[in-house]
Every structure is written in C-alpha cells, then in structure tokens.
Amino acid sequence: MFKRWFVSQRDLLYLDTVKARDVIIHCFYSAQKETFARIKDKEKLPATDQDIKNTVTAAIKSVFTTAGENFDNPTKEGLAKVVSLLASQAKSWGTPDDIIEHHKEQIQKVLDALQKTG
C-alpha cells in the first residue's frame, strides 16, 4: 500500500525553495497516493492520478496556511515546518512509522541541498 519514494540527483539540480516545495509535493503524493485514492473512492469522487495530485496539492497548501507559511514563496525553514506537519498528518492516517521516517530522510536531503534562503 505504501510506496517508498527516493530523491533523485535530478530533483536536486537547480534547486531553489519553489522546486523543493514541488519535490515535497511529489514525495507526499507518491507516499500517500493510495490513501487519497481510498478516500476519494469512499466518497465516490473522481480518483484519476490528476484528481489525486490536485487533492494532494490542495492539502499541502492548507498545511502551509496552518504553518503560517507562504506556499508561493516558501523558505527553507518554512518547508521544514510543513514537512513536520505532513509527517504528523500521515501518522494520524495510520501511515507506518518506517514509511514516514524514510520520506522525512529523503526530504531532509532536499532541504540540506538548498542554499540558505531566509
């Protein structure tokens, strides 16, 4: 049910905070796609890959708001806050700890690769 996503060297090329945010979205989508698909199925909502991506992106935008961070102009520190909140959310959905920790480690590689941006 849960897939392990791995950051690639390509993900780290020309990295800035907006690209890092998009990598985080891709990671969360990859890890939680089945969770979102099941919710959509249960609620009888369209569950194409694009529908799920749109829902994941909207959920992450909401987490940015909850964290008091700017989705469109993220900072490295804001991204770290959002990742922490996403991990808590995933745990509340029953995502196994090893899956959460794996993805946090992958995203930490992204955050470590970012230049200090403020």
C-alpha atoms as a PDB file:
ATOM      1  CA  MET A   1       0.000   0.000   0.000  1.00  0.00           C
ATOM      2  CA  PHE A   2       2.751   2.498   0.887  1.00  0.00           C
ATOM      3  CA  LYS A   3       5.437   3.173  -1.685  1.00  0.00           C
ATOM      4  CA  ARG A   4       8.912   4.381  -0.824  1.00  0.00           C
ATOM      5  CA  TRP A   5       9.911   7.427  -2.815  1.00  0.00           C
ATOM      6  CA  PHE A   6      13.581   8.302  -3.313  1.00  0.00           C
ATOM      7  CA  VAL A   7      15.008  11.724  -4.091  1.00  0.00           C
ATOM      8  CA  SER A   8      16.989  11.713  -7.318  1.00  0.00           C
ATOM      9  CA  GLN A   9      20.027  13.709  -8.368  1.00  0.00           C
ATOM     10  CA  ARG A  10      17.747  15.361 -10.925  1.00  0.00           C
ATOM     11  CA  ASP A  11      15.490  16.577  -8.101  1.00  0.00           C
ATOM     12  CA  LEU A  12      18.487  18.380  -6.619  1.00  0.00           C
ATOM     13  CA  LEU A  13      19.555  20.147  -9.835  1.00  0.00           C
ATOM     14  CA  TYR A  14      18.966  23.902  -9.900  1.00  0.00           C
ATOM     15  CA  LEU A  15      17.266  23.593  -6.536  1.00  0.00           C
ATOM     16  CA  ASP A  16      15.535  26.575  -5.015  1.00  0.00           C
ATOM     17  CA  THR A  17      12.741  26.707  -2.443  1.00  0.00           C
ATOM     18  CA  VAL A  18       9.950  26.576  -5.043  1.00  0.00           C
ATOM     19  CA  LYS A  19      11.449  23.494  -6.690  1.00  0.00           C
ATOM     20  CA  ALA A  20      11.997  21.997  -3.202  1.00  0.00           C
ATOM     21  CA  ARG A  21       8.305  22.611  -2.438  1.00  0.00           C
ATOM     22  CA  ASP A  22       7.349  20.820  -5.645  1.00  0.00           C
ATOM     23  CA  VAL A  23       9.643  17.903  -4.759  1.00  0.00           C
ATOM     24  CA  ILE A  24       7.917  17.700  -1.365  1.00  0.00           C
ATOM     25  CA  ILE A  25       4.527  17.622  -3.108  1.00  0.00           C
ATOM     26  CA  HIS A  26       5.738  14.824  -5.390  1.00  0.00           C
ATOM     27  CA  CYS A  27       7.124  12.884  -2.425  1.00  0.00           C
ATOM     28  CA  PHE A  28       3.896  13.211  -0.428  1.00  0.00           C
ATOM     29  CA  TYR A  29       1.826  12.282  -3.481  1.00  0.00           C
ATOM     30  CA  SER A  30       3.979   9.211  -4.096  1.00  0.00           C
ATOM     31  CA  ALA A  31       3.813   8.099  -0.477  1.00  0.00           C
ATOM     32  CA  GLN A  32       0.128   8.831   0.136  1.00  0.00           C
ATOM     33  CA  LYS A  33      -1.453   8.251  -3.288  1.00  0.00           C
ATOM     34  CA  GLU A  34      -3.261   5.110  -2.152  1.00  0.00           C
ATOM     35  CA  THR A  35      -4.577   6.822   0.992  1.00  0.00           C
ATOM     36  CA  PHE A  36      -6.063   9.659  -1.056  1.00  0.00           C
ATOM     37  CA  ALA A  37      -7.423   7.237  -3.683  1.00  0.00           C
ATOM     38  CA  ARG A  38      -9.234   5.258  -0.995  1.00  0.00           C
ATOM     39  CA  ILE A  39     -10.748   8.413   0.490  1.00  0.00           C
ATOM     40  CA  LYS A  40     -11.937   9.556  -2.936  1.00  0.00           C
ATOM     41  CA  ASP A  41     -13.349   6.111  -3.689  1.00  0.00           C
ATOM     42  CA  LYS A  42     -15.176   6.023  -0.359  1.00  0.00           C
ATOM     43  CA  GLU A  43     -16.661   9.460  -1.052  1.00  0.00           C
ATOM     44  CA  LYS A  44     -17.477   8.482  -4.657  1.00  0.00           C
ATOM     45  CA  LEU A  45     -15.248  11.253  -6.049  1.00  0.00           C
ATOM     46  CA  PRO A  46     -13.156  11.095  -9.225  1.00  0.00           C
ATOM     47  CA  ALA A  47      -9.822   9.421  -8.467  1.00  0.00           C
ATOM     48  CA  THR A  48      -7.652   9.799 -11.544  1.00  0.00           C
ATOM     49  CA  ASP A  49      -3.972  10.462 -10.949  1.00  0.00           C
ATOM     50  CA  GLN A  50      -4.570  14.136 -11.750  1.00  0.00           C
ATOM     51  CA  ASP A  51      -7.518  14.322  -9.313  1.00  0.00           C
ATOM     52  CA  ILE A  52      -5.329  12.852  -6.588  1.00  0.00           C
ATOM     53  CA  LYS A  53      -2.423  15.195  -7.424  1.00  0.00           C
ATOM     54  CA  ASN A  54      -4.779  18.167  -7.241  1.00  0.00           C
ATOM     55  CA  THR A  55      -6.110  16.998  -3.871  1.00  0.00           C
ATOM     56  CA  VAL A  56      -2.599  16.413  -2.518  1.00  0.00           C
ATOM     57  CA  THR A  57      -1.511  19.878  -3.668  1.00  0.00           C
ATOM     58  CA  ALA A  58      -4.586  21.467  -2.057  1.00  0.00           C
ATOM     59  CA  ALA A  59      -3.910  19.568   1.172  1.00  0.00           C
ATOM     60  CA  ILE A  60      -0.304  20.760   1.200  1.00  0.00           C
ATOM     61  CA  LYS A  61      -1.387  24.353   0.524  1.00  0.00           C
ATOM     62  CA  SER A  62      -3.631  24.036   3.564  1.00  0.00           C
ATOM     63  CA  VAL A  63      -0.684  22.817   5.655  1.00  0.00           C
ATOM     64  CA  PHE A  64       1.327  25.851   4.535  1.00  0.00           C
ATOM     65  CA  THR A  65      -1.516  28.056   5.750  1.00  0.00           C
ATOM     66  CA  THR A  66      -1.710  26.175   9.064  1.00  0.00           C
ATOM     67  CA  ALA A  67       2.055  26.614   9.477  1.00  0.00           C
ATOM     68  CA  GLY A  68       1.778  30.340   8.719  1.00  0.00           C
ATOM     69  CA  GLU A  69       3.987  29.890   5.656  1.00  0.00           C
ATOM     70  CA  ASN A  70       3.756  31.186   2.097  1.00  0.00           C
ATOM     71  CA  PHE A  71       3.089  28.426  -0.448  1.00  0.00           C
ATOM     72  CA  ASP A  72       4.087  30.620  -3.396  1.00  0.00           C
ATOM     73  CA  ASN A  73       7.281  31.961  -1.815  1.00  0.00           C
ATOM     74  CA  PRO A  74       8.486  29.284   0.614  1.00  0.00           C
ATOM     75  CA  THR A  75      11.565  29.483   2.801  1.00  0.00           C
ATOM     76  CA  LYS A  76      13.822  26.617   3.792  1.00  0.00           C
ATOM     77  CA  GLU A  77      12.654  26.932   7.392  1.00  0.00           C
ATOM     78  CA  GLY A  78       9.007  27.061   6.300  1.00  0.00           C
ATOM     79  CA  LEU A  79       9.449  23.930   4.220  1.00  0.00           C
ATOM     80  CA  ALA A  80      10.912  22.142   7.247  1.00  0.00           C
ATOM     81  CA  LYS A  81       7.846  23.152   9.299  1.00  0.00           C
ATOM     82  CA  VAL A  82       5.497  21.931   6.591  1.00  0.00           C
ATOM     83  CA  VAL A  83       7.310  18.585   6.325  1.00  0.00           C
ATOM     84  CA  SER A  84       6.963  18.104  10.075  1.00  0.00           C
ATOM     85  CA  LEU A  85       3.225  18.817   9.900  1.00  0.00           C
ATOM     86  CA  LEU A  86       2.805  16.495   6.910  1.00  0.00           C
ATOM     87  CA  ALA A  87       4.559  13.725   8.833  1.00  0.00           C
ATOM     88  CA  SER A  88       2.144  14.235  11.742  1.00  0.00           C
ATOM     89  CA  GLN A  89      -0.792  14.155   9.341  1.00  0.00           C
ATOM     90  CA  ALA A  90       0.451  10.950   7.713  1.00  0.00           C
ATOM     91  CA  LYS A  91       0.859   9.352  11.147  1.00  0.00           C
ATOM     92  CA  SER A  92      -2.731  10.269  12.042  1.00  0.00           C
ATOM     93  CA  TRP A  93      -3.857   8.427   8.881  1.00  0.00           C
ATOM     94  CA  GLY A  94      -2.095   5.277  10.019  1.00  0.00           C
ATOM     95  CA  THR A  95       0.986   5.526   7.832  1.00  0.00           C
ATOM     96  CA  PRO A  96       3.645   3.249   9.364  1.00  0.00           C
ATOM     97  CA  ASP A  97       6.488   4.993  11.209  1.00  0.00           C
ATOM     98  CA  ASP A  98       9.164   3.461   8.961  1.00  0.00           C
ATOM     99  CA  ILE A  99       7.477   4.920   5.881  1.00  0.00           C
ATOM    100  CA  ILE A 100       7.231   8.356   7.497  1.00  0.00           C
ATOM    101  CA  GLU A 101      10.859   8.280   8.620  1.00  0.00           C
ATOM    102  CA  HIS A 102      12.053   7.130   5.200  1.00  0.00           C
ATOM    103  CA  HIS A 103      10.338  10.047   3.478  1.00  0.00           C
ATOM    104  CA  LYS A 104      11.478  12.566   6.076  1.00  0.00           C
ATOM    105  CA  GLU A 105      15.063  11.393   5.439  1.00  0.00           C
ATOM    106  CA  GLN A 106      14.598  11.803   1.685  1.00  0.00           C
ATOM    107  CA  ILE A 107      13.211  15.314   2.084  1.00  0.00           C
ATOM    108  CA  GLN A 108      15.982  16.206   4.517  1.00  0.00           C
ATOM    109  CA  LYS A 109      18.399  15.551   1.635  1.00  0.00           C
ATOM    110  CA  VAL A 110      16.446  18.130  -0.370  1.00  0.00           C
ATOM    111  CA  LEU A 111      16.472  20.663   2.468  1.00  0.00           C
ATOM    112  CA  ASP A 112      20.190  20.087   3.048  1.00  0.00           C
ATOM    113  CA  ALA A 113      20.855  20.791  -0.625  1.00  0.00           C
ATOM    114  CA  LEU A 114      19.102  24.149  -0.513  1.00  0.00           C
ATOM    115  CA  GLN A 115      21.163  27.262  -0.189  1.00  0.00           C
ATOM    116  CA  LYS A 116      20.206  29.389   2.804  1.00  0.00           C
ATOM    117  CA  THR A 117      17.257  31.382   1.501  1.00  0.00           C
ATOM    118  CA  GLY A 118      15.993  33.223   4.526  1.00  0.00           C
END
